[in-house]
Amino acid sequence: MEFIDVITERYSVRGFLDKEVEQEKLDYILKAATLAPTGVNSQPFKVYVIDTKKHKEELSKIYGAKWFVEAPIVLCVVGINNEAWTRPWDQKNIVDIDATIVMDHMILAAQDVGLGTCYIGAFKKYEAHKFLNLKENEEPILFTPLGYGNAEPRDTPRKELDEFVVYMD
């Protein structure tokens, strides 16, 4: 698939078929995570691959939408705070930025192989922390269900370039 097609056709899937994801497709998606750029290449993240059928109850506590647990897999990117680069001039730790880039790589790779995803940032952080048994320096950043979509895209109007692009002379 051409890259422009990947980013044009990708949408937030809110319904999934009861169909397993092939291991080679999952491996392709996880490989995309390893290729994501991170600050000073610190790679301060973990990717959790969660079997939805085995953990439906716990996942439902983290994010309550029924379609979230329809997909056979849920992925979670966890940032490792003390391993992420911190800007020395203002002490901004970029673990959330790094983790988001990782998730974006995986989501685009999923689209490339015909799988659906949906960024989930509105989850219950403390439930996720407990379920994943994370250390104090680890933070769940984003989740996505991963599977074969069974829902049509919603209308998502986009701004025109002149509404957000600023050229500096």
N, C-alpha and C. Protein backbone atom coordinates (compact mmCIF):
# COMPACT_ATOMS: atom_id res chain seq x y z
N MET A 1 0.85 -1.17 0.00
CA MET A 1 0.00 0.00 0.00
C MET A 1 0.90 1.24 0.00
N GLU A 2 0.56 2.23 -0.79
CA GLU A 2 1.29 3.49 -0.78
C GLU A 2 1.05 4.21 0.55
N PHE A 3 2.07 4.93 1.02
CA PHE A 3 1.94 5.59 2.32
C PHE A 3 0.76 6.55 2.37
N ILE A 4 0.55 7.32 1.33
CA ILE A 4 -0.57 8.27 1.32
C ILE A 4 -1.90 7.53 1.47
N ASP A 5 -1.99 6.32 0.91
CA ASP A 5 -3.20 5.51 1.06
C ASP A 5 -3.37 5.04 2.50
N VAL A 6 -2.26 4.66 3.12
CA VAL A 6 -2.31 4.23 4.53
C VAL A 6 -2.88 5.34 5.40
N ILE A 7 -2.35 6.55 5.24
CA ILE A 7 -2.82 7.62 6.13
C ILE A 7 -4.17 8.18 5.73
N THR A 8 -4.54 8.03 4.46
CA THR A 8 -5.86 8.51 4.01
C THR A 8 -6.96 7.54 4.44
N GLU A 9 -6.70 6.25 4.35
CA GLU A 9 -7.73 5.25 4.62
C GLU A 9 -7.86 4.88 6.10
N ARG A 10 -6.88 5.20 6.90
CA ARG A 10 -6.92 4.86 8.32
C ARG A 10 -8.01 5.65 9.04
N TYR A 11 -8.77 4.97 9.86
CA TYR A 11 -9.78 5.64 10.68
C TYR A 11 -9.89 4.91 12.01
N SER A 12 -10.53 5.54 12.96
CA SER A 12 -10.72 4.94 14.29
C SER A 12 -11.83 3.91 14.21
N VAL A 13 -11.46 2.65 14.33
CA VAL A 13 -12.41 1.54 14.21
C VAL A 13 -13.08 1.33 15.56
N ARG A 14 -14.40 1.29 15.53
CA ARG A 14 -15.18 1.12 16.77
C ARG A 14 -16.12 -0.08 16.64
N GLY A 15 -15.56 -1.17 16.17
CA GLY A 15 -16.29 -2.42 16.01
C GLY A 15 -15.37 -3.42 15.34
N PHE A 16 -15.33 -4.64 15.87
CA PHE A 16 -14.36 -5.62 15.38
C PHE A 16 -15.00 -6.98 15.17
N LEU A 17 -14.49 -7.70 14.17
CA LEU A 17 -14.91 -9.07 13.92
C LEU A 17 -14.27 -10.01 14.93
N ASP A 18 -14.93 -11.12 15.17
CA ASP A 18 -14.36 -12.16 16.03
C ASP A 18 -13.43 -13.02 15.17
N LYS A 19 -12.27 -12.45 14.86
CA LYS A 19 -11.30 -13.11 13.98
C LYS A 19 -9.91 -12.83 14.53
N GLU A 20 -9.14 -13.87 14.68
CA GLU A 20 -7.80 -13.72 15.24
C GLU A 20 -6.87 -12.96 14.30
N VAL A 21 -5.90 -12.30 14.87
CA VAL A 21 -4.85 -11.60 14.12
C VAL A 21 -3.70 -12.58 13.90
N GLU A 22 -3.27 -12.69 12.65
CA GLU A 22 -2.18 -13.60 12.32
C GLU A 22 -0.88 -13.12 12.99
N GLN A 23 -0.08 -14.06 13.46
CA GLN A 23 1.17 -13.74 14.16
C GLN A 23 2.11 -12.91 13.29
N GLU A 24 2.18 -13.21 12.00
CA GLU A 24 3.09 -12.44 11.13
C GLU A 24 2.65 -10.98 11.01
N LYS A 25 1.35 -10.72 11.06
CA LYS A 25 0.87 -9.34 11.03
C LYS A 25 1.20 -8.64 12.35
N LEU A 26 1.00 -9.34 13.45
CA LEU A 26 1.34 -8.77 14.76
C LEU A 26 2.84 -8.48 14.83
N ASP A 27 3.66 -9.40 14.36
CA ASP A 27 5.11 -9.18 14.36
C ASP A 27 5.49 -7.96 13.53
N TYR A 28 4.85 -7.78 12.39
CA TYR A 28 5.09 -6.62 11.52
C TYR A 28 4.78 -5.33 12.27
N ILE A 29 3.67 -5.32 12.98
CA ILE A 29 3.25 -4.14 13.74
C ILE A 29 4.22 -3.86 14.88
N LEU A 30 4.64 -4.89 15.58
CA LEU A 30 5.58 -4.71 16.68
C LEU A 30 6.95 -4.27 16.17
N LYS A 31 7.34 -4.75 15.02
CA LYS A 31 8.60 -4.31 14.41
C LYS A 31 8.54 -2.81 14.13
N ALA A 32 7.38 -2.32 13.70
CA ALA A 32 7.21 -0.89 13.46
C ALA A 32 7.47 -0.08 14.73
N ALA A 33 7.12 -0.63 15.88
CA ALA A 33 7.38 0.05 17.16
C ALA A 33 8.87 0.23 17.38
N THR A 34 9.65 -0.77 17.01
CA THR A 34 11.10 -0.68 17.23
C THR A 34 11.74 0.36 16.32
N LEU A 35 11.07 0.72 15.23
CA LEU A 35 11.62 1.68 14.28
C LEU A 35 11.23 3.13 14.59
N ALA A 36 10.37 3.31 15.57
CA ALA A 36 9.90 4.65 15.92
C ALA A 36 11.04 5.49 16.49
N PRO A 37 11.16 6.73 16.03
CA PRO A 37 12.19 7.60 16.61
C PRO A 37 11.81 8.02 18.02
N THR A 38 12.79 8.06 18.88
CA THR A 38 12.59 8.54 20.26
C THR A 38 13.73 9.49 20.59
N GLY A 39 13.51 10.34 21.58
CA GLY A 39 14.53 11.31 21.98
C GLY A 39 15.84 10.63 22.30
N VAL A 40 16.90 11.07 21.67
CA VAL A 40 18.25 10.50 21.76
C VAL A 40 18.26 8.97 21.65
N ASN A 41 17.28 8.45 20.91
CA ASN A 41 17.13 7.00 20.69
C ASN A 41 17.11 6.21 22.00
N SER A 42 16.53 6.79 23.03
CA SER A 42 16.51 6.11 24.33
C SER A 42 15.52 4.94 24.38
N GLN A 43 14.54 4.95 23.49
CA GLN A 43 13.53 3.89 23.42
C GLN A 43 12.93 3.57 24.81
N PRO A 44 12.37 4.60 25.46
CA PRO A 44 11.87 4.42 26.82
C PRO A 44 10.43 3.90 26.86
N PHE A 45 10.22 2.72 26.32
CA PHE A 45 8.85 2.21 26.26
C PHE A 45 8.83 0.68 26.31
N LYS A 46 7.65 0.19 26.62
CA LYS A 46 7.31 -1.22 26.50
C LYS A 46 5.98 -1.27 25.75
N VAL A 47 5.77 -2.34 25.01
CA VAL A 47 4.49 -2.55 24.36
C VAL A 47 3.88 -3.81 24.96
N TYR A 48 2.71 -3.68 25.54
CA TYR A 48 1.98 -4.81 26.09
C TYR A 48 1.00 -5.33 25.04
N VAL A 49 1.06 -6.63 24.78
CA VAL A 49 0.14 -7.29 23.86
C VAL A 49 -0.81 -8.09 24.74
N ILE A 50 -2.06 -7.68 24.76
CA ILE A 50 -3.03 -8.23 25.72
C ILE A 50 -4.07 -9.05 24.98
N ASP A 51 -4.23 -10.29 25.38
CA ASP A 51 -5.25 -11.18 24.83
C ASP A 51 -6.60 -10.76 25.42
N THR A 52 -7.45 -10.22 24.57
CA THR A 52 -8.71 -9.66 25.03
C THR A 52 -9.62 -10.71 25.67
N LYS A 53 -9.69 -11.89 25.07
CA LYS A 53 -10.58 -12.92 25.61
C LYS A 53 -10.18 -13.32 27.03
N LYS A 54 -8.88 -13.34 27.31
CA LYS A 54 -8.41 -13.73 28.64
C LYS A 54 -8.53 -12.59 29.65
N HIS A 55 -8.62 -11.35 29.18
CA HIS A 55 -8.59 -10.20 30.08
C HIS A 55 -9.72 -9.21 29.83
N LYS A 56 -10.85 -9.72 29.36
CA LYS A 56 -11.98 -8.86 29.01
C LYS A 56 -12.46 -8.02 30.21
N GLU A 57 -12.57 -8.65 31.35
CA GLU A 57 -13.07 -7.96 32.54
C GLU A 57 -12.14 -6.83 32.96
N GLU A 58 -10.83 -7.10 33.02
CA GLU A 58 -9.87 -6.09 33.42
C GLU A 58 -9.82 -4.94 32.41
N LEU A 59 -9.83 -5.28 31.12
CA LEU A 59 -9.80 -4.25 30.08
C LEU A 59 -11.05 -3.39 30.12
N SER A 60 -12.19 -3.98 30.42
CA SER A 60 -13.45 -3.22 30.50
C SER A 60 -13.42 -2.21 31.64
N LYS A 61 -12.67 -2.50 32.68
CA LYS A 61 -12.52 -1.54 33.78
C LYS A 61 -11.62 -0.37 33.37
N ILE A 62 -10.70 -0.63 32.46
CA ILE A 62 -9.77 0.40 32.00
C ILE A 62 -10.46 1.36 31.04
N TYR A 63 -11.26 0.80 30.13
CA TYR A 63 -12.00 1.61 29.15
C TYR A 63 -13.31 0.89 28.88
N GLY A 64 -14.42 1.56 29.10
CA GLY A 64 -15.71 0.90 29.14
C GLY A 64 -16.45 0.64 27.85
N ALA A 65 -15.98 1.14 26.72
CA ALA A 65 -16.71 0.93 25.46
C ALA A 65 -16.73 -0.55 25.10
N LYS A 66 -17.89 -1.06 24.73
CA LYS A 66 -18.03 -2.50 24.41
C LYS A 66 -17.14 -2.92 23.26
N TRP A 67 -16.98 -2.07 22.24
CA TRP A 67 -16.17 -2.43 21.08
C TRP A 67 -14.69 -2.55 21.42
N PHE A 68 -14.25 -1.93 22.52
CA PHE A 68 -12.84 -1.99 22.93
C PHE A 68 -12.38 -3.43 23.16
N VAL A 69 -13.28 -4.24 23.67
CA VAL A 69 -12.92 -5.63 23.97
C VAL A 69 -13.45 -6.62 22.92
N GLU A 70 -13.93 -6.12 21.79
CA GLU A 70 -14.34 -6.99 20.69
C GLU A 70 -13.12 -7.48 19.90
N ALA A 71 -12.11 -6.64 19.79
CA ALA A 71 -10.90 -7.02 19.05
C ALA A 71 -10.18 -8.12 19.80
N PRO A 72 -9.49 -9.01 19.10
CA PRO A 72 -8.80 -10.10 19.79
C PRO A 72 -7.58 -9.67 20.60
N ILE A 73 -7.03 -8.49 20.26
CA ILE A 73 -5.83 -8.00 20.93
C ILE A 73 -6.04 -6.54 21.31
N VAL A 74 -5.49 -6.16 22.44
CA VAL A 74 -5.36 -4.76 22.80
C VAL A 74 -3.87 -4.51 23.02
N LEU A 75 -3.38 -3.45 22.43
CA LEU A 75 -1.99 -3.04 22.63
C LEU A 75 -1.96 -1.85 23.57
N CYS A 76 -0.94 -1.81 24.40
CA CYS A 76 -0.73 -0.66 25.28
C CYS A 76 0.74 -0.26 25.19
N VAL A 77 0.98 1.02 24.97
CA VAL A 77 2.35 1.54 25.03
C VAL A 77 2.54 2.17 26.40
N VAL A 78 3.56 1.68 27.07
CA VAL A 78 3.90 2.16 28.41
C VAL A 78 5.22 2.91 28.31
N GLY A 79 5.24 4.12 28.84
CA GLY A 79 6.46 4.90 28.88
C GLY A 79 7.24 4.64 30.15
N ILE A 80 8.55 4.63 30.02
CA ILE A 80 9.43 4.45 31.18
C ILE A 80 10.07 5.81 31.46
N ASN A 81 9.49 6.50 32.43
CA ASN A 81 9.83 7.91 32.67
C ASN A 81 11.32 8.18 32.87
N ASN A 82 11.98 7.40 33.69
CA ASN A 82 13.37 7.69 34.01
C ASN A 82 14.35 7.29 32.90
N GLU A 83 13.84 6.67 31.81
CA GLU A 83 14.69 6.33 30.68
C GLU A 83 14.51 7.30 29.52
N ALA A 84 13.52 8.16 29.60
CA ALA A 84 13.24 9.11 28.51
C ALA A 84 14.15 10.32 28.61
N TRP A 85 14.40 10.93 27.46
CA TRP A 85 15.20 12.14 27.42
C TRP A 85 14.41 13.29 28.03
N THR A 86 15.12 14.14 28.73
CA THR A 86 14.54 15.33 29.33
C THR A 86 15.29 16.54 28.79
N ARG A 87 14.53 17.51 28.29
CA ARG A 87 15.16 18.73 27.79
C ARG A 87 15.84 19.45 28.96
N PRO A 88 17.11 19.74 28.84
CA PRO A 88 17.82 20.33 29.97
C PRO A 88 17.43 21.77 30.28
N TRP A 89 16.90 22.53 29.30
CA TRP A 89 16.60 23.94 29.55
C TRP A 89 15.27 24.16 30.25
N ASP A 90 14.34 23.18 30.16
CA ASP A 90 13.06 23.39 30.86
C ASP A 90 12.57 22.13 31.59
N GLN A 91 13.39 21.08 31.59
CA GLN A 91 13.11 19.83 32.30
C GLN A 91 11.88 19.08 31.79
N LYS A 92 11.49 19.31 30.53
CA LYS A 92 10.36 18.59 29.93
C LYS A 92 10.80 17.17 29.59
N ASN A 93 10.20 16.20 30.27
CA ASN A 93 10.43 14.79 29.98
C ASN A 93 9.51 14.43 28.81
N ILE A 94 10.09 13.85 27.75
CA ILE A 94 9.31 13.61 26.53
C ILE A 94 8.81 12.17 26.40
N VAL A 95 8.68 11.47 27.50
CA VAL A 95 8.22 10.07 27.44
C VAL A 95 6.86 9.95 26.75
N ASP A 96 5.97 10.90 26.99
CA ASP A 96 4.65 10.84 26.36
C ASP A 96 4.75 11.05 24.85
N ILE A 97 5.66 11.91 24.42
CA ILE A 97 5.86 12.13 22.99
C ILE A 97 6.43 10.86 22.35
N ASP A 98 7.47 10.30 22.95
CA ASP A 98 8.08 9.08 22.44
C ASP A 98 7.05 7.95 22.32
N ALA A 99 6.27 7.75 23.36
CA ALA A 99 5.28 6.67 23.37
C ALA A 99 4.21 6.88 22.31
N THR A 100 3.84 8.13 22.09
CA THR A 100 2.83 8.44 21.08
C THR A 100 3.36 8.14 19.68
N ILE A 101 4.62 8.46 19.44
CA ILE A 101 5.23 8.13 18.14
C ILE A 101 5.24 6.62 17.94
N VAL A 102 5.57 5.88 18.98
CA VAL A 102 5.57 4.41 18.91
C VAL A 102 4.17 3.90 18.55
N MET A 103 3.15 4.41 19.23
CA MET A 103 1.78 3.98 18.94
C MET A 103 1.40 4.34 17.52
N ASP A 104 1.78 5.52 17.07
CA ASP A 104 1.45 5.94 15.72
C ASP A 104 2.08 5.01 14.68
N HIS A 105 3.32 4.63 14.90
CA HIS A 105 3.97 3.67 13.99
C HIS A 105 3.19 2.36 13.94
N MET A 106 2.78 1.87 15.09
CA MET A 106 2.05 0.60 15.12
C MET A 106 0.69 0.71 14.45
N ILE A 107 0.00 1.82 14.70
CA ILE A 107 -1.32 2.01 14.12
C ILE A 107 -1.25 2.12 12.60
N LEU A 108 -0.25 2.81 12.09
CA LEU A 108 -0.10 2.91 10.64
C LEU A 108 0.32 1.57 10.04
N ALA A 109 1.17 0.82 10.73
CA ALA A 109 1.55 -0.53 10.27
C ALA A 109 0.33 -1.44 10.25
N ALA A 110 -0.53 -1.32 11.25
CA ALA A 110 -1.76 -2.12 11.29
C ALA A 110 -2.63 -1.82 10.08
N GLN A 111 -2.79 -0.55 9.77
CA GLN A 111 -3.58 -0.16 8.59
C GLN A 111 -2.97 -0.75 7.33
N ASP A 112 -1.66 -0.74 7.25
CA ASP A 112 -0.94 -1.24 6.08
C ASP A 112 -1.24 -2.72 5.81
N VAL A 113 -1.51 -3.50 6.87
CA VAL A 113 -1.79 -4.93 6.71
C VAL A 113 -3.27 -5.26 6.89
N GLY A 114 -4.13 -4.23 6.80
CA GLY A 114 -5.57 -4.47 6.79
C GLY A 114 -6.23 -4.63 8.15
N LEU A 115 -5.58 -4.16 9.20
CA LEU A 115 -6.15 -4.27 10.54
C LEU A 115 -6.61 -2.91 11.05
N GLY A 116 -7.61 -2.94 11.91
CA GLY A 116 -8.18 -1.73 12.47
C GLY A 116 -7.68 -1.44 13.87
N THR A 117 -7.69 -0.15 14.21
CA THR A 117 -7.22 0.32 15.51
C THR A 117 -8.04 1.54 15.91
N CYS A 118 -7.84 1.98 17.13
CA CYS A 118 -8.44 3.23 17.61
C CYS A 118 -7.61 3.73 18.79
N TYR A 119 -7.06 4.94 18.65
CA TYR A 119 -6.30 5.53 19.76
C TYR A 119 -7.21 5.65 20.98
N ILE A 120 -6.72 5.18 22.11
CA ILE A 120 -7.47 5.32 23.36
C ILE A 120 -6.56 6.02 24.37
N GLY A 121 -6.89 7.28 24.64
CA GLY A 121 -6.17 8.03 25.65
C GLY A 121 -7.04 8.33 26.86
N ALA A 122 -8.35 8.14 26.71
CA ALA A 122 -9.31 8.46 27.78
C ALA A 122 -9.60 7.23 28.64
N PHE A 123 -8.54 6.59 29.09
CA PHE A 123 -8.70 5.38 29.90
C PHE A 123 -8.44 5.69 31.37
N LYS A 124 -8.79 4.75 32.22
CA LYS A 124 -8.58 4.91 33.66
C LYS A 124 -7.15 4.48 33.99
N LYS A 125 -6.31 5.49 34.17
CA LYS A 125 -4.88 5.28 34.35
C LYS A 125 -4.54 4.34 35.52
N TYR A 126 -5.19 4.51 36.64
CA TYR A 126 -4.83 3.72 37.82
C TYR A 126 -5.27 2.26 37.66
N GLU A 127 -6.40 2.04 36.99
CA GLU A 127 -6.81 0.66 36.68
C GLU A 127 -5.80 0.01 35.75
N ALA A 128 -5.33 0.77 34.75
CA ALA A 128 -4.34 0.24 33.81
C ALA A 128 -3.03 -0.07 34.52
N HIS A 129 -2.60 0.83 35.38
CA HIS A 129 -1.36 0.66 36.12
C HIS A 129 -1.41 -0.62 36.96
N LYS A 130 -2.54 -0.81 37.63
CA LYS A 130 -2.72 -1.99 38.48
C LYS A 130 -2.77 -3.27 37.63
N PHE A 131 -3.56 -3.26 36.57
CA PHE A 131 -3.71 -4.44 35.71
C PHE A 131 -2.37 -4.86 35.09
N LEU A 132 -1.61 -3.90 34.61
CA LEU A 132 -0.34 -4.20 33.95
C LEU A 132 0.79 -4.43 34.95
N ASN A 133 0.50 -4.22 36.23
CA ASN A 133 1.48 -4.41 37.29
C ASN A 133 2.74 -3.58 37.02
N LEU A 134 2.52 -2.30 36.76
CA LEU A 134 3.62 -1.42 36.39
C LEU A 134 4.39 -0.93 37.61
N LYS A 135 5.64 -0.60 37.36
CA LYS A 135 6.49 -0.01 38.40
C LYS A 135 6.16 1.47 38.50
N GLU A 136 6.65 2.10 39.54
CA GLU A 136 6.36 3.51 39.79
C GLU A 136 6.85 4.39 38.64
N ASN A 137 7.95 4.04 37.99
CA ASN A 137 8.51 4.85 36.91
C ASN A 137 7.90 4.55 35.55
N GLU A 138 6.91 3.66 35.50
CA GLU A 138 6.25 3.30 34.25
C GLU A 138 4.85 3.90 34.20
N GLU A 139 4.49 4.36 33.01
CA GLU A 139 3.20 5.03 32.85
C GLU A 139 2.49 4.54 31.59
N PRO A 140 1.25 4.07 31.72
CA PRO A 140 0.50 3.73 30.51
C PRO A 140 0.16 5.01 29.77
N ILE A 141 0.50 5.05 28.47
CA ILE A 141 0.30 6.28 27.70
C ILE A 141 -0.91 6.16 26.77
N LEU A 142 -0.96 5.08 25.98
CA LEU A 142 -2.04 4.88 25.01
C LEU A 142 -2.38 3.40 24.88
N PHE A 143 -3.64 3.15 24.58
CA PHE A 143 -4.13 1.82 24.24
C PHE A 143 -4.70 1.85 22.84
N THR A 144 -4.77 0.69 22.20
CA THR A 144 -5.56 0.53 20.99
C THR A 144 -6.04 -0.92 20.91
N PRO A 145 -7.31 -1.11 20.54
CA PRO A 145 -7.72 -2.45 20.15
C PRO A 145 -7.07 -2.74 18.80
N LEU A 146 -6.85 -4.01 18.50
CA LEU A 146 -6.23 -4.39 17.24
C LEU A 146 -6.96 -5.61 16.68
N GLY A 147 -7.51 -5.45 15.49
CA GLY A 147 -8.23 -6.56 14.88
C GLY A 147 -8.81 -6.17 13.54
N TYR A 148 -9.63 -7.05 13.03
CA TYR A 148 -10.31 -6.81 11.76
C TYR A 148 -11.56 -5.99 12.01
N GLY A 149 -11.62 -4.84 11.39
CA GLY A 149 -12.72 -3.92 11.62
C GLY A 149 -14.06 -4.43 11.13
N ASN A 150 -15.08 -4.05 11.88
CA ASN A 150 -16.46 -4.39 11.54
C ASN A 150 -17.33 -3.16 11.77
N ALA A 151 -16.80 -1.99 11.38
CA ALA A 151 -17.53 -0.75 11.56
C ALA A 151 -17.07 0.23 10.50
N GLU A 152 -17.99 1.03 10.05
CA GLU A 152 -17.68 2.03 9.03
C GLU A 152 -17.09 3.27 9.69
N PRO A 153 -16.26 4.00 8.94
CA PRO A 153 -15.71 5.23 9.52
C PRO A 153 -16.79 6.28 9.72
N ARG A 154 -16.60 7.08 10.75
CA ARG A 154 -17.47 8.22 10.99
C ARG A 154 -16.97 9.39 10.15
N ASP A 155 -17.85 10.34 9.91
CA ASP A 155 -17.44 11.53 9.19
C ASP A 155 -16.48 12.32 10.07
N THR A 156 -15.28 12.54 9.56
CA THR A 156 -14.28 13.29 10.32
C THR A 156 -13.73 14.42 9.45
N PRO A 157 -14.45 15.54 9.42
CA PRO A 157 -14.00 16.66 8.60
C PRO A 157 -12.60 17.11 9.02
N ARG A 158 -11.83 17.55 8.06
CA ARG A 158 -10.46 18.00 8.30
C ARG A 158 -10.34 19.48 7.96
N LYS A 159 -9.53 20.18 8.71
CA LYS A 159 -9.27 21.58 8.43
C LYS A 159 -8.54 21.71 7.11
N GLU A 160 -8.73 22.84 6.47
CA GLU A 160 -7.97 23.18 5.28
C GLU A 160 -6.58 23.65 5.72
N LEU A 161 -5.60 23.49 4.86
CA LEU A 161 -4.23 23.87 5.19
C LEU A 161 -4.12 25.29 5.71
N ASP A 162 -4.83 26.21 5.09
CA ASP A 162 -4.71 27.61 5.51
C ASP A 162 -5.29 27.88 6.90
N GLU A 163 -5.96 26.89 7.48
CA GLU A 163 -6.51 27.06 8.82
C GLU A 163 -5.50 26.72 9.92
N PHE A 164 -4.41 26.01 9.56
CA PHE A 164 -3.46 25.66 10.61
C PHE A 164 -1.98 25.79 10.23
N VAL A 165 -1.69 26.02 8.97
CA VAL A 165 -0.31 26.17 8.55
C VAL A 165 0.08 27.64 8.62
N VAL A 166 1.19 27.91 9.26
CA VAL A 166 1.70 29.28 9.39
C VAL A 166 3.08 29.31 8.75
N TYR A 167 3.22 30.07 7.69
CA TYR A 167 4.51 30.26 7.03
C TYR A 167 5.19 31.47 7.63
N MET A 168 6.41 31.30 8.09
CA MET A 168 7.18 32.40 8.66
C MET A 168 8.16 32.91 7.60
N ASP A 169 8.09 34.19 7.30
CA ASP A 169 9.02 34.77 6.34
C ASP A 169 10.29 35.23 7.01
